[in-house]
Amino acid sequence: MAGTARENILKRIKQALKQPVPVPFPGTSLDSHFVPMAQEPVLEFAERFTALQGKFCYCSSVSELAEQLNALATKREWKKIYCRDTQLKELLQSNGYAPDYHSGLASCDAAITGCEYLVARTGSILLGSGNESGRTVSVYAPIHICIAYAHQVKADIADGIDALFEPGKKYPSMVTLATGPSRTADIEKTLVVGVHGPKEVYCFLIEE
């Protein structure tokens, strides 16, 4: 009986593949349905990101970024900082931020990563496995700190993906969109933050 049911399912799948469903609106771009942004992408990202409970900080230079991180780590009493990005650590160290980095992601106080791009329209952080952000840092760290530059802000998700897969670039094996702190409303329809990921997400944007 089980074998017959499986054969019937496979038969239906093969028939469906022979007769593909046509695209309902050929030649239509999803971008055409978006309302144009009324302000610069950087400002749009900052507003969207903070509306999603993200914490945005604008820095005029890397030196100011290091000062902000030192002040934040002191105020929050962060002792265990996790970061896999060697270049990012060297950049921060040369500008005055040199904590004792922690090797354990699960037991760290906060994790620092870079990113591929920032998406203005959705307030999202586009992460790829190729920039040492890793597959797990933005998920398992209790606090995620993303450091980005102004030129990395893209208007839409499509713009970020197009830039990520430009010819000649090394394609990442994984791409992740992180939009604010982790949240769920499955428990009695009450919004709970930090259940399946970080409780807090910071984005430090450096103006070059």
C-alpha atoms as a PDB file:
ATOM      1  CA  MET A   1       0.000   0.000   0.000  1.00  0.00           C
ATOM      2  CA  ALA A   2       2.780   2.422   0.962  1.00  0.00           C
ATOM      3  CA  GLY A   3       4.660   1.636  -2.231  1.00  0.00           C
ATOM      4  CA  THR A   4       1.595   2.348  -4.365  1.00  0.00           C
ATOM      5  CA  ALA A   5       0.994   5.703  -2.666  1.00  0.00           C
ATOM      6  CA  ARG A   6       4.622   6.700  -3.244  1.00  0.00           C
ATOM      7  CA  GLU A   7       4.420   5.761  -6.904  1.00  0.00           C
ATOM      8  CA  ASN A   8       1.242   7.827  -7.331  1.00  0.00           C
ATOM      9  CA  ILE A   9       2.893  10.872  -5.758  1.00  0.00           C
ATOM     10  CA  LEU A  10       5.989  10.570  -7.966  1.00  0.00           C
ATOM     11  CA  LYS A  11       3.771  10.157 -11.027  1.00  0.00           C
ATOM     12  CA  ARG A  12       1.894  13.361 -10.226  1.00  0.00           C
ATOM     13  CA  ILE A  13       5.155  15.254  -9.689  1.00  0.00           C
ATOM     14  CA  LYS A  14       6.470  14.097 -13.078  1.00  0.00           C
ATOM     15  CA  GLN A  15       3.246  15.174 -14.774  1.00  0.00           C
ATOM     16  CA  ALA A  16       3.417  18.582 -13.101  1.00  0.00           C
ATOM     17  CA  LEU A  17       7.003  19.084 -14.260  1.00  0.00           C
ATOM     18  CA  LYS A  18       5.990  18.348 -17.858  1.00  0.00           C
ATOM     19  CA  GLN A  19       3.372  21.107 -17.701  1.00  0.00           C
ATOM     20  CA  PRO A  20       4.977  24.053 -15.851  1.00  0.00           C
ATOM     21  CA  VAL A  21       2.709  26.795 -14.558  1.00  0.00           C
ATOM     22  CA  PRO A  22       3.192  30.006 -16.595  1.00  0.00           C
ATOM     23  CA  VAL A  23       4.326  33.203 -14.868  1.00  0.00           C
ATOM     24  CA  PRO A  24       1.135  35.230 -14.210  1.00  0.00           C
ATOM     25  CA  PHE A  25       2.739  38.591 -14.963  1.00  0.00           C
ATOM     26  CA  PRO A  26       5.662  38.083 -17.364  1.00  0.00           C
ATOM     27  CA  GLY A  27       8.205  40.860 -17.572  1.00  0.00           C
ATOM     28  CA  THR A  28       7.122  42.399 -14.268  1.00  0.00           C
ATOM     29  CA  SER A  29       9.756  43.446 -11.748  1.00  0.00           C
ATOM     30  CA  LEU A  30       9.017  43.390  -8.039  1.00  0.00           C
ATOM     31  CA  ASP A  31      10.828  46.717  -7.727  1.00  0.00           C
ATOM     32  CA  SER A  32       8.072  48.422  -9.725  1.00  0.00           C
ATOM     33  CA  HIS A  33       5.631  47.783  -6.879  1.00  0.00           C
ATOM     34  CA  PHE A  34       7.753  49.548  -4.275  1.00  0.00           C
ATOM     35  CA  VAL A  35       7.021  53.127  -3.300  1.00  0.00           C
ATOM     36  CA  PRO A  36      10.165  55.191  -3.999  1.00  0.00           C
ATOM     37  CA  MET A  37      12.104  56.170  -0.907  1.00  0.00           C
ATOM     38  CA  ALA A  38      11.670  59.801   0.091  1.00  0.00           C
ATOM     39  CA  GLN A  39      15.136  60.069   1.667  1.00  0.00           C
ATOM     40  CA  GLU A  40      18.693  58.873   1.310  1.00  0.00           C
ATOM     41  CA  PRO A  41      19.256  55.098   1.752  1.00  0.00           C
ATOM     42  CA  VAL A  42      21.429  55.634   4.858  1.00  0.00           C
ATOM     43  CA  LEU A  43      18.666  57.569   6.626  1.00  0.00           C
ATOM     44  CA  GLU A  44      16.060  55.069   5.454  1.00  0.00           C
ATOM     45  CA  PHE A  45      18.093  52.184   6.850  1.00  0.00           C
ATOM     46  CA  ALA A  46      18.603  53.947  10.189  1.00  0.00           C
ATOM     47  CA  GLU A  47      14.860  54.569  10.572  1.00  0.00           C
ATOM     48  CA  ARG A  48      13.825  51.058   9.533  1.00  0.00           C
ATOM     49  CA  PHE A  49      16.505  49.406  11.642  1.00  0.00           C
ATOM     50  CA  THR A  50      15.624  51.312  14.816  1.00  0.00           C
ATOM     51  CA  ALA A  51      11.892  50.741  14.217  1.00  0.00           C
ATOM     52  CA  LEU A  52      12.687  47.012  14.447  1.00  0.00           C
ATOM     53  CA  GLN A  53      14.349  47.521  17.849  1.00  0.00           C
ATOM     54  CA  GLY A  54      17.828  47.635  16.363  1.00  0.00           C
ATOM     55  CA  LYS A  55      20.330  50.082  17.877  1.00  0.00           C
ATOM     56  CA  PHE A  56      21.963  52.325  15.294  1.00  0.00           C
ATOM     57  CA  CYS A  57      25.105  54.379  15.822  1.00  0.00           C
ATOM     58  CA  TYR A  58      26.650  56.702  13.235  1.00  0.00           C
ATOM     59  CA  CYS A  59      30.431  57.127  13.380  1.00  0.00           C
ATOM     60  CA  SER A  60      32.369  59.724  11.416  1.00  0.00           C
ATOM     61  CA  SER A  61      35.553  57.631  11.542  1.00  0.00           C
ATOM     62  CA  VAL A  62      36.997  54.333  12.744  1.00  0.00           C
ATOM     63  CA  SER A  63      38.538  56.179  15.701  1.00  0.00           C
ATOM     64  CA  GLU A  64      35.078  57.316  16.789  1.00  0.00           C
ATOM     65  CA  LEU A  65      33.833  53.749  16.337  1.00  0.00           C
ATOM     66  CA  ALA A  66      36.571  52.485  18.688  1.00  0.00           C
ATOM     67  CA  GLU A  67      35.618  55.129  21.256  1.00  0.00           C
ATOM     68  CA  GLN A  68      31.942  54.158  21.055  1.00  0.00           C
ATOM     69  CA  LEU A  69      32.747  50.460  21.462  1.00  0.00           C
ATOM     70  CA  ASN A  70      34.984  51.106  24.460  1.00  0.00           C
ATOM     71  CA  ALA A  71      32.297  53.197  26.126  1.00  0.00           C
ATOM     72  CA  LEU A  72      29.563  50.675  25.366  1.00  0.00           C
ATOM     73  CA  ALA A  73      31.587  47.686  26.572  1.00  0.00           C
ATOM     74  CA  THR A  74      32.443  49.511  29.804  1.00  0.00           C
ATOM     75  CA  LYS A  75      28.839  50.551  30.441  1.00  0.00           C
ATOM     76  CA  ARG A  76      27.436  47.090  29.721  1.00  0.00           C
ATOM     77  CA  GLU A  77      30.350  45.308  31.450  1.00  0.00           C
ATOM     78  CA  TRP A  78      31.141  43.141  28.444  1.00  0.00           C
ATOM     79  CA  LYS A  79      34.212  41.062  29.183  1.00  0.00           C
ATOM     80  CA  LYS A  80      33.892  38.274  26.611  1.00  0.00           C
ATOM     81  CA  ILE A  81      33.893  39.608  23.048  1.00  0.00           C
ATOM     82  CA  TYR A  82      33.785  37.148  20.147  1.00  0.00           C
ATOM     83  CA  CYS A  83      35.052  38.039  16.667  1.00  0.00           C
ATOM     84  CA  ARG A  84      36.292  35.799  13.862  1.00  0.00           C
ATOM     85  CA  ASP A  85      37.262  38.573  11.454  1.00  0.00           C
ATOM     86  CA  THR A  86      41.028  39.052  11.749  1.00  0.00           C
ATOM     87  CA  GLN A  87      41.093  42.197   9.596  1.00  0.00           C
ATOM     88  CA  LEU A  88      38.301  43.769  11.610  1.00  0.00           C
ATOM     89  CA  LYS A  89      40.071  43.015  14.883  1.00  0.00           C
ATOM     90  CA  GLU A  90      43.310  44.544  13.582  1.00  0.00           C
ATOM     91  CA  LEU A  91      41.447  47.646  12.376  1.00  0.00           C
ATOM     92  CA  LEU A  92      39.799  48.136  15.763  1.00  0.00           C
ATOM     93  CA  GLN A  93      43.011  47.471  17.666  1.00  0.00           C
ATOM     94  CA  SER A  94      44.955  50.026  15.630  1.00  0.00           C
ATOM     95  CA  ASN A  95      42.322  52.624  16.537  1.00  0.00           C
ATOM     96  CA  GLY A  96      42.171  51.921  20.269  1.00  0.00           C
ATOM     97  CA  TYR A  97      39.701  49.085  20.804  1.00  0.00           C
ATOM     98  CA  ALA A  98      41.550  45.942  21.859  1.00  0.00           C
ATOM     99  CA  PRO A  99      39.539  43.709  24.202  1.00  0.00           C
ATOM    100  CA  ASP A 100      40.565  40.220  25.231  1.00  0.00           C
ATOM    101  CA  TYR A 101      38.674  38.308  22.583  1.00  0.00           C
ATOM    102  CA  HIS A 102      36.769  35.245  23.741  1.00  0.00           C
ATOM    103  CA  SER A 103      36.985  31.978  21.807  1.00  0.00           C
ATOM    104  CA  GLY A 104      33.580  30.578  22.747  1.00  0.00           C
ATOM    105  CA  LEU A 105      30.570  31.867  20.841  1.00  0.00           C
ATOM    106  CA  ALA A 106      27.978  30.243  23.103  1.00  0.00           C
ATOM    107  CA  SER A 107      29.424  31.826  26.259  1.00  0.00           C
ATOM    108  CA  CYS A 108      30.378  35.276  24.933  1.00  0.00           C
ATOM    109  CA  ASP A 109      28.803  38.565  26.045  1.00  0.00           C
ATOM    110  CA  ALA A 110      28.664  39.974  22.517  1.00  0.00           C
ATOM    111  CA  ALA A 111      29.898  39.151  19.019  1.00  0.00           C
ATOM    112  CA  ILE A 112      31.268  41.555  16.417  1.00  0.00           C
ATOM    113  CA  THR A 113      30.962  40.963  12.675  1.00  0.00           C
ATOM    114  CA  GLY A 114      31.157  42.865   9.462  1.00  0.00           C
ATOM    115  CA  CYS A 115      28.545  42.387   6.756  1.00  0.00           C
ATOM    116  CA  GLU A 116      28.156  42.243   3.011  1.00  0.00           C
ATOM    117  CA  TYR A 117      25.546  44.995   2.714  1.00  0.00           C
ATOM    118  CA  LEU A 118      22.781  46.819   4.564  1.00  0.00           C
ATOM    119  CA  VAL A 119      19.293  46.936   3.026  1.00  0.00           C
ATOM    120  CA  ALA A 120      17.659  50.327   3.503  1.00  0.00           C
ATOM    121  CA  ARG A 121      14.074  49.439   2.622  1.00  0.00           C
ATOM    122  CA  THR A 122      13.768  46.637   5.189  1.00  0.00           C
ATOM    123  CA  GLY A 123      16.400  47.652   7.745  1.00  0.00           C
ATOM    124  CA  SER A 124      18.139  44.312   7.217  1.00  0.00           C
ATOM    125  CA  ILE A 125      21.756  43.192   7.476  1.00  0.00           C
ATOM    126  CA  LEU A 126      22.920  41.036   4.574  1.00  0.00           C
ATOM    127  CA  LEU A 127      25.505  38.544   5.801  1.00  0.00           C
ATOM    128  CA  GLY A 128      27.566  36.141   3.740  1.00  0.00           C
ATOM    129  CA  SER A 129      29.811  33.287   4.775  1.00  0.00           C
ATOM    130  CA  GLY A 130      32.705  34.780   2.834  1.00  0.00           C
ATOM    131  CA  ASN A 131      33.277  37.827   5.059  1.00  0.00           C
ATOM    132  CA  GLU A 132      34.087  35.913   8.278  1.00  0.00           C
ATOM    133  CA  SER A 133      30.653  36.687   9.682  1.00  0.00           C
ATOM    134  CA  GLY A 134      30.266  32.951   9.887  1.00  0.00           C
ATOM    135  CA  ARG A 135      27.176  30.792   9.675  1.00  0.00           C
ATOM    136  CA  THR A 136      26.309  31.046  13.355  1.00  0.00           C
ATOM    137  CA  VAL A 137      27.585  34.329  14.810  1.00  0.00           C
ATOM    138  CA  SER A 138      24.459  36.372  14.048  1.00  0.00           C
ATOM    139  CA  VAL A 139      22.237  33.601  15.442  1.00  0.00           C
ATOM    140  CA  TYR A 140      23.899  32.221  18.574  1.00  0.00           C
ATOM    141  CA  ALA A 141      25.485  35.341  20.069  1.00  0.00           C
ATOM    142  CA  PRO A 142      23.324  37.005  22.753  1.00  0.00           C
ATOM    143  CA  ILE A 143      24.240  40.426  21.335  1.00  0.00           C
ATOM    144  CA  HIS A 144      25.226  40.993  17.700  1.00  0.00           C
ATOM    145  CA  ILE A 145      27.318  44.033  16.793  1.00  0.00           C
ATOM    146  CA  CYS A 146      27.566  44.708  13.061  1.00  0.00           C
ATOM    147  CA  ILE A 147      30.130  47.144  11.685  1.00  0.00           C
ATOM    148  CA  ALA A 148      29.517  48.545   8.211  1.00  0.00           C
ATOM    149  CA  TYR A 149      30.496  51.427   5.946  1.00  0.00           C
ATOM    150  CA  ALA A 150      28.210  53.935   4.253  1.00  0.00           C
ATOM    151  CA  HIS A 151      28.997  52.566   0.792  1.00  0.00           C
ATOM    152  CA  GLN A 152      27.562  49.190   1.831  1.00  0.00           C
ATOM    153  CA  VAL A 153      24.018  50.551   2.150  1.00  0.00           C
ATOM    154  CA  LYS A 154      21.810  49.367  -0.715  1.00  0.00           C
ATOM    155  CA  ALA A 155      18.265  50.519  -1.402  1.00  0.00           C
ATOM    156  CA  ASP A 156      16.621  47.111  -1.817  1.00  0.00           C
ATOM    157  CA  ILE A 157      17.322  43.426  -1.254  1.00  0.00           C
ATOM    158  CA  ALA A 158      17.656  42.922  -5.008  1.00  0.00           C
ATOM    159  CA  ASP A 159      20.414  45.576  -5.145  1.00  0.00           C
ATOM    160  CA  GLY A 160      22.322  43.816  -2.382  1.00  0.00           C
ATOM    161  CA  ILE A 161      22.001  40.408  -4.010  1.00  0.00           C
ATOM    162  CA  ASP A 162      23.056  41.797  -7.410  1.00  0.00           C
ATOM    163  CA  ALA A 163      26.131  43.408  -5.853  1.00  0.00           C
ATOM    164  CA  LEU A 164      26.932  40.221  -3.962  1.00  0.00           C
ATOM    165  CA  PHE A 165      26.951  38.145  -7.134  1.00  0.00           C
ATOM    166  CA  GLU A 166      28.743  40.526  -9.470  1.00  0.00           C
ATOM    167  CA  PRO A 167      31.003  38.777 -12.008  1.00  0.00           C
ATOM    168  CA  GLY A 168      34.500  38.151 -10.692  1.00  0.00           C
ATOM    169  CA  LYS A 169      33.516  38.036  -7.041  1.00  0.00           C
ATOM    170  CA  LYS A 170      33.943  34.959  -4.893  1.00  0.00           C
ATOM    171  CA  TYR A 171      30.418  33.798  -4.179  1.00  0.00           C
ATOM    172  CA  PRO A 172      29.562  32.980  -0.557  1.00  0.00           C
ATOM    173  CA  SER A 173      28.304  29.497   0.237  1.00  0.00           C
ATOM    174  CA  MET A 174      25.541  31.013   2.358  1.00  0.00           C
ATOM    175  CA  VAL A 175      23.641  34.311   2.456  1.00  0.00           C
ATOM    176  CA  THR A 176      21.598  35.432   5.460  1.00  0.00           C
ATOM    177  CA  LEU A 177      19.259  38.379   5.998  1.00  0.00           C
ATOM    178  CA  ALA A 178      19.093  39.461   9.647  1.00  0.00           C
ATOM    179  CA  THR A 179      16.329  41.942  10.421  1.00  0.00           C
ATOM    180  CA  GLY A 180      16.493  43.216  13.989  1.00  0.00           C
ATOM    181  CA  PRO A 181      16.656  41.095  17.158  1.00  0.00           C
ATOM    182  CA  SER A 182      15.162  37.610  17.146  1.00  0.00           C
ATOM    183  CA  ARG A 183      11.446  37.629  17.919  1.00  0.00           C
ATOM    184  CA  THR A 184       8.463  35.324  18.074  1.00  0.00           C
ATOM    185  CA  ALA A 185       4.766  35.639  18.912  1.00  0.00           C
ATOM    186  CA  ASP A 186       4.016  31.909  19.044  1.00  0.00           C
ATOM    187  CA  ILE A 187       3.665  31.896  22.830  1.00  0.00           C
ATOM    188  CA  GLU A 188       0.093  33.006  23.575  1.00  0.00           C
ATOM    189  CA  LYS A 189       0.428  35.596  20.775  1.00  0.00           C
ATOM    190  CA  THR A 190       2.758  37.677  22.952  1.00  0.00           C
ATOM    191  CA  LEU A 191       5.830  39.141  21.251  1.00  0.00           C
ATOM    192  CA  VAL A 192       9.002  37.804  22.850  1.00  0.00           C
ATOM    193  CA  VAL A 193      12.440  39.097  21.801  1.00  0.00           C
ATOM    194  CA  GLY A 194      15.615  37.013  21.821  1.00  0.00           C
ATOM    195  CA  VAL A 195      14.179  33.509  21.678  1.00  0.00           C
ATOM    196  CA  HIS A 196      15.836  32.093  18.550  1.00  0.00           C
ATOM    197  CA  GLY A 197      18.708  34.550  18.207  1.00  0.00           C
ATOM    198  CA  PRO A 198      20.281  37.715  19.640  1.00  0.00           C
ATOM    199  CA  LYS A 199      18.323  39.818  22.121  1.00  0.00           C
ATOM    200  CA  GLU A 200      20.020  42.969  20.887  1.00  0.00           C
ATOM    201  CA  VAL A 201      21.467  43.994  17.526  1.00  0.00           C
ATOM    202  CA  TYR A 202      23.743  47.002  17.085  1.00  0.00           C
ATOM    203  CA  CYS A 203      24.788  48.516  13.791  1.00  0.00           C
ATOM    204  CA  PHE A 204      27.726  50.913  13.755  1.00  0.00           C
ATOM    205  CA  LEU A 205      27.853  52.739  10.419  1.00  0.00           C
ATOM    206  CA  ILE A 206      31.149  54.404   9.506  1.00  0.00           C
ATOM    207  CA  GLU A 207      31.205  57.386   7.160  1.00  0.00           C
ATOM    208  CA  GLU A 208      34.306  57.170   4.987  1.00  0.00           C
END
